Amino acid sequence: MSFSRYPRRPVWPAKPRREPEPLPPSTVSDERAREIAQSYLSREHSGLFALPPVLGALRGREVWFVQVGRLGAHGVVGELVVDAATGAISDVRLDD
C-alpha cells in the first residue's frame, strides 16, 4: 500500500450557483429620458440643454446617457444618467 507523505486538505462543497436577478424592464423611452434631463437642467442649471440620449448599462441596470450642451458654446459640457426603468437621474457630471 502506498500512502502520500502529505496530509490531505479538507474539501468543502462548492456553493450552489444562483441565477442572476432579472433586470427591471425598461419603461423610459429615449424621448422621455431627454425630457426628464431637460426638465432637470432647466430647473437647476440655466443655459444648458440635453442632447439625444444613448442607451447603455451601468451597475447592472439599463440607463440612458444624456450629454449636455451649453447655449452659445461648442461641444459637450457634461453628462447625466437617467435610469431606464424608473426615470430617476442618478449621476450628473458638468464642467464649469
N, C-alpha and C. Protein backbone atom coordinates (compact mmCIF):
# COMPACT_ATOMS: atom_id res chain seq x y z
N MET A 1 0.83 -1.17 0.00
CA MET A 1 0.00 0.00 0.00
C MET A 1 0.87 1.23 0.00
N SER A 2 0.48 2.17 -0.82
CA SER A 2 1.24 3.40 -0.93
C SER A 2 0.41 4.56 -0.39
N PHE A 3 0.99 5.28 0.54
CA PHE A 3 0.32 6.44 1.10
C PHE A 3 1.10 7.69 0.75
N SER A 4 0.37 8.77 0.58
CA SER A 4 1.01 10.05 0.29
C SER A 4 1.72 10.53 1.55
N ARG A 5 2.83 11.20 1.35
CA ARG A 5 3.56 11.72 2.51
C ARG A 5 2.90 12.98 3.06
N TYR A 6 2.06 13.60 2.26
CA TYR A 6 1.42 14.85 2.68
C TYR A 6 -0.02 14.59 3.09
N PRO A 7 -0.45 15.23 4.18
CA PRO A 7 -1.84 15.03 4.59
C PRO A 7 -2.80 15.69 3.58
N ARG A 8 -3.95 15.11 3.45
CA ARG A 8 -4.95 15.67 2.54
C ARG A 8 -5.62 16.86 3.19
N ARG A 9 -5.90 17.87 2.35
CA ARG A 9 -6.60 19.04 2.84
C ARG A 9 -8.10 18.78 2.83
N PRO A 10 -8.81 19.32 3.81
CA PRO A 10 -10.26 19.13 3.79
C PRO A 10 -10.87 19.83 2.57
N VAL A 11 -11.89 19.25 2.01
CA VAL A 11 -12.54 19.80 0.83
C VAL A 11 -13.97 20.18 1.21
N TRP A 12 -14.33 21.43 0.89
CA TRP A 12 -15.67 21.90 1.16
C TRP A 12 -16.48 21.85 -0.13
N PRO A 13 -17.73 21.57 -0.03
CA PRO A 13 -18.54 21.52 -1.26
C PRO A 13 -18.66 22.92 -1.88
N ALA A 14 -18.75 22.96 -3.19
CA ALA A 14 -18.88 24.24 -3.89
C ALA A 14 -20.24 24.86 -3.57
N LYS A 15 -20.27 26.19 -3.57
CA LYS A 15 -21.53 26.88 -3.33
C LYS A 15 -22.47 26.65 -4.51
N PRO A 16 -23.73 26.49 -4.22
CA PRO A 16 -24.67 26.30 -5.33
C PRO A 16 -24.76 27.60 -6.16
N ARG A 17 -24.87 27.44 -7.46
CA ARG A 17 -24.95 28.61 -8.34
C ARG A 17 -26.33 29.23 -8.24
N ARG A 18 -26.34 30.54 -8.10
CA ARG A 18 -27.61 31.27 -8.09
C ARG A 18 -27.77 31.95 -9.44
N GLU A 19 -28.97 31.96 -9.92
CA GLU A 19 -29.26 32.67 -11.16
C GLU A 19 -29.25 34.17 -10.85
N PRO A 20 -28.68 34.97 -11.75
CA PRO A 20 -28.69 36.42 -11.51
C PRO A 20 -30.13 36.95 -11.53
N GLU A 21 -30.35 37.96 -10.72
CA GLU A 21 -31.68 38.55 -10.66
C GLU A 21 -32.00 39.22 -11.99
N PRO A 22 -33.23 39.08 -12.46
CA PRO A 22 -33.57 39.70 -13.74
C PRO A 22 -33.57 41.23 -13.61
N LEU A 23 -33.18 41.89 -14.69
CA LEU A 23 -33.18 43.34 -14.71
C LEU A 23 -34.61 43.85 -14.75
N PRO A 24 -34.88 44.98 -14.10
CA PRO A 24 -36.22 45.55 -14.21
C PRO A 24 -36.46 45.98 -15.65
N PRO A 25 -37.68 45.87 -16.13
CA PRO A 25 -37.95 46.22 -17.52
C PRO A 25 -37.74 47.72 -17.76
N SER A 26 -37.21 48.03 -18.93
CA SER A 26 -37.00 49.42 -19.30
C SER A 26 -38.33 50.00 -19.77
N THR A 27 -38.77 51.04 -19.09
CA THR A 27 -40.05 51.65 -19.43
C THR A 27 -39.88 53.08 -19.92
N VAL A 28 -38.69 53.63 -19.82
CA VAL A 28 -38.44 55.02 -20.22
C VAL A 28 -37.85 55.03 -21.63
N SER A 29 -38.53 55.70 -22.55
CA SER A 29 -38.04 55.80 -23.92
C SER A 29 -36.94 56.84 -24.01
N ASP A 30 -36.26 56.89 -25.16
CA ASP A 30 -35.21 57.89 -25.34
C ASP A 30 -35.77 59.31 -25.30
N GLU A 31 -36.96 59.51 -25.89
CA GLU A 31 -37.58 60.84 -25.87
C GLU A 31 -37.93 61.27 -24.44
N ARG A 32 -38.47 60.32 -23.66
CA ARG A 32 -38.83 60.62 -22.27
C ARG A 32 -37.58 60.89 -21.43
N ALA A 33 -36.51 60.15 -21.68
CA ALA A 33 -35.25 60.39 -20.95
C ALA A 33 -34.72 61.80 -21.24
N ARG A 34 -34.82 62.22 -22.49
CA ARG A 34 -34.37 63.58 -22.84
C ARG A 34 -35.27 64.63 -22.17
N GLU A 35 -36.57 64.38 -22.12
CA GLU A 35 -37.48 65.31 -21.43
C GLU A 35 -37.15 65.42 -19.95
N ILE A 36 -36.87 64.28 -19.31
CA ILE A 36 -36.52 64.28 -17.89
C ILE A 36 -35.24 65.08 -17.68
N ALA A 37 -34.24 64.84 -18.52
CA ALA A 37 -32.96 65.55 -18.40
C ALA A 37 -33.15 67.04 -18.63
N GLN A 38 -33.93 67.41 -19.65
CA GLN A 38 -34.13 68.83 -19.95
C GLN A 38 -34.90 69.53 -18.83
N SER A 39 -35.86 68.84 -18.26
CA SER A 39 -36.61 69.41 -17.13
C SER A 39 -35.68 69.67 -15.95
N TYR A 40 -34.81 68.71 -15.64
CA TYR A 40 -33.84 68.89 -14.56
C TYR A 40 -32.90 70.06 -14.85
N LEU A 41 -32.38 70.12 -16.07
CA LEU A 41 -31.43 71.18 -16.43
C LEU A 41 -32.08 72.55 -16.39
N SER A 42 -33.31 72.67 -16.83
CA SER A 42 -33.98 73.97 -16.82
C SER A 42 -34.25 74.46 -15.39
N ARG A 43 -34.47 73.52 -14.46
CA ARG A 43 -34.69 73.91 -13.06
C ARG A 43 -33.39 74.24 -12.35
N GLU A 44 -32.34 73.44 -12.57
CA GLU A 44 -31.12 73.53 -11.78
C GLU A 44 -29.97 74.31 -12.43
N HIS A 45 -29.91 74.30 -13.76
CA HIS A 45 -28.76 74.89 -14.46
C HIS A 45 -29.24 75.64 -15.69
N SER A 46 -29.32 76.94 -15.60
CA SER A 46 -29.80 77.72 -16.76
C SER A 46 -28.73 77.75 -17.85
N GLY A 47 -29.18 77.78 -19.09
CA GLY A 47 -28.27 77.85 -20.22
C GLY A 47 -27.76 76.52 -20.71
N LEU A 48 -28.18 75.42 -20.08
CA LEU A 48 -27.76 74.09 -20.51
C LEU A 48 -28.94 73.37 -21.17
N PHE A 49 -28.62 72.47 -22.09
CA PHE A 49 -29.68 71.71 -22.75
C PHE A 49 -29.24 70.26 -22.94
N ALA A 50 -30.23 69.37 -23.06
CA ALA A 50 -29.98 67.93 -23.20
C ALA A 50 -29.88 67.56 -24.67
N LEU A 51 -28.85 66.80 -25.00
CA LEU A 51 -28.67 66.25 -26.34
C LEU A 51 -29.35 64.88 -26.41
N PRO A 52 -29.50 64.28 -27.60
CA PRO A 52 -30.15 62.96 -27.68
C PRO A 52 -29.41 61.91 -26.83
N PRO A 53 -30.15 61.10 -26.09
CA PRO A 53 -29.53 60.11 -25.20
C PRO A 53 -29.06 58.86 -25.94
N VAL A 54 -28.18 58.12 -25.26
CA VAL A 54 -27.65 56.85 -25.77
C VAL A 54 -27.91 55.79 -24.71
N LEU A 55 -28.48 54.65 -25.13
CA LEU A 55 -28.78 53.56 -24.20
C LEU A 55 -27.50 52.83 -23.83
N GLY A 56 -27.35 52.51 -22.55
CA GLY A 56 -26.18 51.78 -22.07
C GLY A 56 -26.51 51.04 -20.79
N ALA A 57 -25.48 50.53 -20.13
CA ALA A 57 -25.66 49.81 -18.88
C ALA A 57 -24.68 50.34 -17.85
N LEU A 58 -25.14 50.40 -16.62
CA LEU A 58 -24.31 50.91 -15.53
C LEU A 58 -24.72 50.19 -14.26
N ARG A 59 -23.75 49.54 -13.60
CA ARG A 59 -24.02 48.81 -12.36
C ARG A 59 -25.17 47.81 -12.51
N GLY A 60 -25.18 47.10 -13.62
CA GLY A 60 -26.17 46.06 -13.83
C GLY A 60 -27.57 46.54 -14.17
N ARG A 61 -27.71 47.79 -14.60
CA ARG A 61 -29.02 48.33 -14.96
C ARG A 61 -28.91 49.03 -16.30
N GLU A 62 -30.01 49.06 -17.03
CA GLU A 62 -30.05 49.82 -18.27
C GLU A 62 -30.27 51.29 -17.92
N VAL A 63 -29.50 52.15 -18.57
CA VAL A 63 -29.60 53.58 -18.32
C VAL A 63 -29.50 54.33 -19.64
N TRP A 64 -29.92 55.57 -19.63
CA TRP A 64 -29.74 56.48 -20.75
C TRP A 64 -28.65 57.46 -20.38
N PHE A 65 -27.61 57.55 -21.20
CA PHE A 65 -26.55 58.55 -21.03
C PHE A 65 -26.94 59.76 -21.86
N VAL A 66 -27.13 60.89 -21.20
CA VAL A 66 -27.57 62.11 -21.87
C VAL A 66 -26.43 63.13 -21.79
N GLN A 67 -25.89 63.49 -22.94
CA GLN A 67 -24.86 64.52 -22.96
C GLN A 67 -25.52 65.89 -22.87
N VAL A 68 -24.77 66.83 -22.29
CA VAL A 68 -25.30 68.16 -22.02
C VAL A 68 -24.49 69.19 -22.79
N GLY A 69 -25.20 70.12 -23.44
CA GLY A 69 -24.55 71.21 -24.15
C GLY A 69 -24.87 72.54 -23.48
N ARG A 70 -24.11 73.57 -23.83
CA ARG A 70 -24.33 74.91 -23.29
C ARG A 70 -24.68 75.84 -24.44
N LEU A 71 -25.68 76.69 -24.23
CA LEU A 71 -26.07 77.65 -25.26
C LEU A 71 -24.89 78.57 -25.59
N GLY A 72 -24.60 78.73 -26.88
CA GLY A 72 -23.53 79.60 -27.32
C GLY A 72 -22.15 78.99 -27.24
N ALA A 73 -22.04 77.72 -26.91
CA ALA A 73 -20.73 77.05 -26.81
C ALA A 73 -20.73 75.81 -27.70
N HIS A 74 -19.56 75.46 -28.19
CA HIS A 74 -19.41 74.26 -28.99
C HIS A 74 -19.01 73.09 -28.10
N GLY A 75 -19.47 71.93 -28.47
CA GLY A 75 -19.07 70.72 -27.75
C GLY A 75 -19.98 70.41 -26.58
N VAL A 76 -19.56 69.41 -25.86
CA VAL A 76 -20.32 68.89 -24.72
C VAL A 76 -19.70 69.42 -23.44
N VAL A 77 -20.56 69.82 -22.49
CA VAL A 77 -20.06 70.35 -21.22
C VAL A 77 -20.36 69.42 -20.04
N GLY A 78 -20.94 68.27 -20.32
CA GLY A 78 -21.22 67.34 -19.23
C GLY A 78 -22.11 66.20 -19.68
N GLU A 79 -22.52 65.42 -18.69
CA GLU A 79 -23.35 64.25 -18.96
C GLU A 79 -24.17 63.95 -17.72
N LEU A 80 -25.37 63.45 -17.93
CA LEU A 80 -26.15 62.94 -16.81
C LEU A 80 -26.73 61.59 -17.19
N VAL A 81 -27.09 60.82 -16.19
CA VAL A 81 -27.56 59.45 -16.38
C VAL A 81 -28.99 59.34 -15.89
N VAL A 82 -29.86 58.81 -16.77
CA VAL A 82 -31.27 58.60 -16.43
C VAL A 82 -31.52 57.10 -16.42
N ASP A 83 -32.05 56.58 -15.31
CA ASP A 83 -32.36 55.16 -15.18
C ASP A 83 -33.48 54.81 -16.16
N ALA A 84 -33.28 53.77 -16.96
CA ALA A 84 -34.25 53.39 -18.00
C ALA A 84 -35.49 52.71 -17.43
N ALA A 85 -35.44 52.26 -16.18
CA ALA A 85 -36.60 51.60 -15.58
C ALA A 85 -37.44 52.58 -14.77
N THR A 86 -36.80 53.48 -14.03
CA THR A 86 -37.54 54.36 -13.13
C THR A 86 -37.60 55.80 -13.60
N GLY A 87 -36.67 56.22 -14.44
CA GLY A 87 -36.64 57.61 -14.89
C GLY A 87 -35.92 58.53 -13.92
N ALA A 88 -35.27 57.97 -12.93
CA ALA A 88 -34.55 58.78 -11.94
C ALA A 88 -33.19 59.18 -12.48
N ILE A 89 -32.77 60.41 -12.15
CA ILE A 89 -31.45 60.89 -12.53
C ILE A 89 -30.48 60.45 -11.44
N SER A 90 -29.42 59.72 -11.85
CA SER A 90 -28.52 59.17 -10.84
C SER A 90 -27.18 59.88 -10.79
N ASP A 91 -26.57 60.17 -11.92
CA ASP A 91 -25.25 60.81 -11.92
C ASP A 91 -25.29 62.04 -12.79
N VAL A 92 -24.75 63.14 -12.26
CA VAL A 92 -24.67 64.38 -13.04
C VAL A 92 -23.22 64.84 -12.98
N ARG A 93 -22.60 64.97 -14.15
CA ARG A 93 -21.23 65.49 -14.23
C ARG A 93 -21.22 66.64 -15.20
N LEU A 94 -20.98 67.84 -14.69
CA LEU A 94 -20.96 69.04 -15.51
C LEU A 94 -19.63 69.76 -15.35
N ASP A 95 -19.05 70.22 -16.45
CA ASP A 95 -17.83 71.03 -16.40
C ASP A 95 -18.20 72.46 -16.09
N ASP A 96 -17.35 73.14 -15.38
CA ASP A 96 -17.61 74.56 -15.07
C ASP A 96 -17.20 75.45 -16.20
